[in-house]
Amino acid sequence: MAILNIRKIGDPVLRTKAKEVKEITEKTLELLDNMAETMYAAPGVGLAAPQVGILQRIVVIDVEDEHGLIELINPVITEYSREELIMEEGCLSIPGRSGKVKRPARVTVRALDRKGKEFELKAEGYLARAIQHEVDHLDGFLFIDKVLEEE
């Protein structure tokens, strides 16, 4: 495994929409492993492939709850709660900055796992926020695009 270089704000790859993964290959699995290692070393709770310069719809998340490491390939958020929460967010690609962001309190995400099997995950609170933050990265959005008040 390897620790990858995390792209920083200003890098155009962070503003580019990532492409759907058509086939899960050995390179895909290696990327998942390297992304997880990079996220833990940073340290962070989530990392999207564009943050390491790879324009594929791949995300890893670990908010240190009962789910442990979550790998999402081609994630799609299928449901958002009407209830919203305002919480502090930061980003490995925007070091030293944080701010309050309003997001739905609960989401349901559908994705593929590393074996190509589709699954659905219902999340709330911090995990729901991390999922939304990382899926935003796949579409070229950063938390600063949604910040209500910068800290």
Protein backbone atom coordinates (compact mmCIF):
# COMPACT_ATOMS: atom_id res chain seq x y z
CA MET A 1 0.00 0.00 0.00
CA ALA A 2 1.01 3.60 -0.47
CA ILE A 3 0.19 7.02 0.88
CA LEU A 4 -1.03 9.18 -2.00
CA ASN A 5 -0.57 12.91 -2.52
CA ILE A 6 -3.70 14.82 -1.48
CA ARG A 7 -4.55 17.56 -3.98
CA LYS A 8 -5.12 21.01 -2.50
CA ILE A 9 -7.58 23.77 -3.30
CA GLY A 10 -6.67 25.42 -6.59
CA ASP A 11 -5.93 22.09 -8.29
CA PRO A 12 -8.43 21.85 -11.20
CA VAL A 13 -9.01 18.12 -10.58
CA LEU A 14 -10.97 19.08 -7.44
CA ARG A 15 -13.47 20.98 -9.59
CA THR A 16 -13.90 18.23 -12.20
CA LYS A 17 -16.76 15.74 -12.19
CA ALA A 18 -15.51 12.18 -11.65
CA LYS A 19 -16.42 9.36 -14.04
CA GLU A 20 -18.39 6.26 -13.13
CA VAL A 21 -16.36 3.10 -12.51
CA LYS A 22 -17.29 0.69 -15.32
CA GLU A 23 -15.33 -2.32 -14.07
CA ILE A 24 -13.74 -3.13 -10.72
CA THR A 25 -10.19 -4.23 -11.44
CA GLU A 26 -7.06 -4.94 -9.40
CA LYS A 27 -6.16 -1.25 -9.89
CA THR A 28 -9.52 -0.28 -8.36
CA LEU A 29 -8.87 -2.47 -5.31
CA GLU A 30 -5.35 -1.07 -4.97
CA LEU A 31 -6.75 2.46 -5.17
CA LEU A 32 -9.28 1.68 -2.41
CA ASP A 33 -6.50 0.34 -0.17
CA ASN A 34 -4.20 3.28 -0.88
CA MET A 35 -7.00 5.79 -0.33
CA ALA A 36 -7.81 4.26 3.06
CA GLU A 37 -4.16 4.32 4.09
CA THR A 38 -3.88 7.95 2.92
CA MET A 39 -7.06 8.96 4.79
CA TYR A 40 -5.87 7.39 8.05
CA ALA A 41 -2.38 8.91 7.73
CA ALA A 42 -3.73 12.43 7.03
CA PRO A 43 -5.65 11.95 9.46
CA GLY A 44 -9.16 12.33 8.09
CA VAL A 45 -12.57 10.66 8.15
CA GLY A 46 -13.20 10.58 4.40
CA LEU A 47 -11.42 10.77 1.09
CA ALA A 48 -12.71 10.90 -2.48
CA ALA A 49 -10.66 9.72 -5.47
CA PRO A 50 -10.47 13.22 -7.05
CA GLN A 51 -8.65 14.38 -3.90
CA VAL A 52 -5.78 12.07 -4.90
CA GLY A 53 -5.97 13.06 -8.57
CA ILE A 54 -8.10 10.13 -9.79
CA LEU A 55 -11.32 11.14 -11.56
CA GLN A 56 -13.33 8.06 -10.59
CA ARG A 57 -16.46 7.86 -8.43
CA ILE A 58 -14.78 6.19 -5.45
CA VAL A 59 -14.96 7.21 -1.78
CA VAL A 60 -13.63 5.85 1.50
CA ILE A 61 -15.06 6.92 4.87
CA ASP A 62 -14.40 5.97 8.49
CA VAL A 63 -16.05 8.13 11.15
CA GLU A 64 -14.92 5.63 13.80
CA ASP A 65 -18.38 4.20 14.46
CA GLU A 66 -19.77 0.67 14.26
CA HIS A 67 -19.48 0.69 10.45
CA GLY A 68 -15.68 0.93 10.41
CA LEU A 69 -14.16 1.55 6.98
CA ILE A 70 -16.82 2.15 4.32
CA GLU A 71 -15.87 1.86 0.65
CA LEU A 72 -18.29 3.34 -1.87
CA ILE A 73 -17.91 2.80 -5.61
CA ASN A 74 -20.29 4.84 -7.80
CA PRO A 75 -22.23 6.16 -4.79
CA VAL A 76 -25.63 7.76 -5.37
CA ILE A 77 -27.54 9.42 -2.56
CA THR A 78 -31.11 8.23 -3.09
CA GLU A 79 -32.82 9.85 -0.10
CA TYR A 80 -32.27 13.00 1.95
CA SER A 81 -34.15 13.87 5.16
CA ARG A 82 -36.04 17.13 5.36
CA GLU A 83 -34.45 17.74 8.74
CA GLU A 84 -31.16 19.58 8.38
CA LEU A 85 -28.26 20.14 10.75
CA ILE A 86 -25.61 22.83 10.79
CA MET A 87 -22.21 21.42 11.72
CA GLU A 88 -18.56 22.34 11.39
CA GLU A 89 -16.73 20.87 8.39
CA GLY A 90 -13.16 20.84 7.21
CA CYS A 91 -11.40 19.12 4.33
CA LEU A 92 -8.05 17.47 3.72
CA SER A 93 -7.86 19.40 0.43
CA ILE A 94 -8.39 22.74 2.19
CA PRO A 95 -6.03 22.60 5.17
CA GLY A 96 -6.43 25.14 7.93
CA ARG A 97 -9.97 26.17 6.98
CA SER A 98 -13.30 25.12 8.42
CA GLY A 99 -16.82 26.40 8.51
CA LYS A 100 -20.44 25.73 9.35
CA VAL A 101 -22.38 23.88 6.66
CA LYS A 102 -26.11 23.00 6.59
CA ARG A 103 -26.85 19.50 5.30
CA PRO A 104 -29.66 16.94 5.61
CA ALA A 105 -29.43 15.05 8.92
CA ARG A 106 -30.03 11.63 7.31
CA VAL A 107 -29.31 10.12 3.91
CA THR A 108 -29.56 6.82 2.11
CA VAL A 109 -26.74 5.97 -0.26
CA ARG A 110 -26.57 3.20 -2.86
CA ALA A 111 -23.17 2.03 -4.07
CA LEU A 112 -21.05 -0.94 -5.09
CA ASP A 113 -18.64 -2.64 -2.71
CA ARG A 114 -15.16 -3.82 -3.71
CA LYS A 115 -16.66 -7.08 -5.04
CA GLY A 116 -19.06 -5.21 -7.31
CA LYS A 117 -22.09 -6.03 -5.18
CA GLU A 118 -24.67 -3.26 -4.87
CA PHE A 119 -25.66 -2.26 -1.34
CA GLU A 120 -27.61 0.46 0.40
CA LEU A 121 -26.62 2.29 3.56
CA LYS A 122 -28.83 4.49 5.72
CA ALA A 123 -26.80 7.04 7.66
CA GLU A 124 -27.44 9.86 10.08
CA GLY A 125 -25.49 12.51 11.90
CA TYR A 126 -21.73 12.60 11.33
CA LEU A 127 -21.71 9.65 8.92
CA ALA A 128 -24.49 11.19 6.80
CA ARG A 129 -22.49 14.44 6.68
CA ALA A 130 -19.28 12.62 5.67
CA ILE A 131 -21.10 10.78 2.87
CA GLN A 132 -22.56 14.03 1.50
CA HIS A 133 -19.20 15.81 1.76
CA GLU A 134 -17.36 13.06 -0.12
CA VAL A 135 -20.06 12.61 -2.80
CA ASP A 136 -19.85 16.39 -3.37
CA HIS A 137 -16.15 15.89 -4.20
CA LEU A 138 -17.15 13.47 -6.96
CA ASP A 139 -19.18 16.25 -8.58
CA GLY A 140 -16.48 18.92 -8.24
CA PHE A 141 -17.95 20.68 -5.18
CA LEU A 142 -16.08 21.64 -2.03
CA PHE A 143 -17.51 22.39 1.42
CA ILE A 144 -16.53 26.04 1.00
CA ASP A 145 -19.17 26.27 -1.76
CA LYS A 146 -21.83 25.63 0.91
CA VAL A 147 -20.29 27.25 3.97
CA LEU A 148 -22.63 29.51 5.94
CA GLU A 149 -19.97 30.91 8.23
CA GLU A 150 -16.24 30.31 8.03
CA GLU A 151 -14.37 29.70 11.29
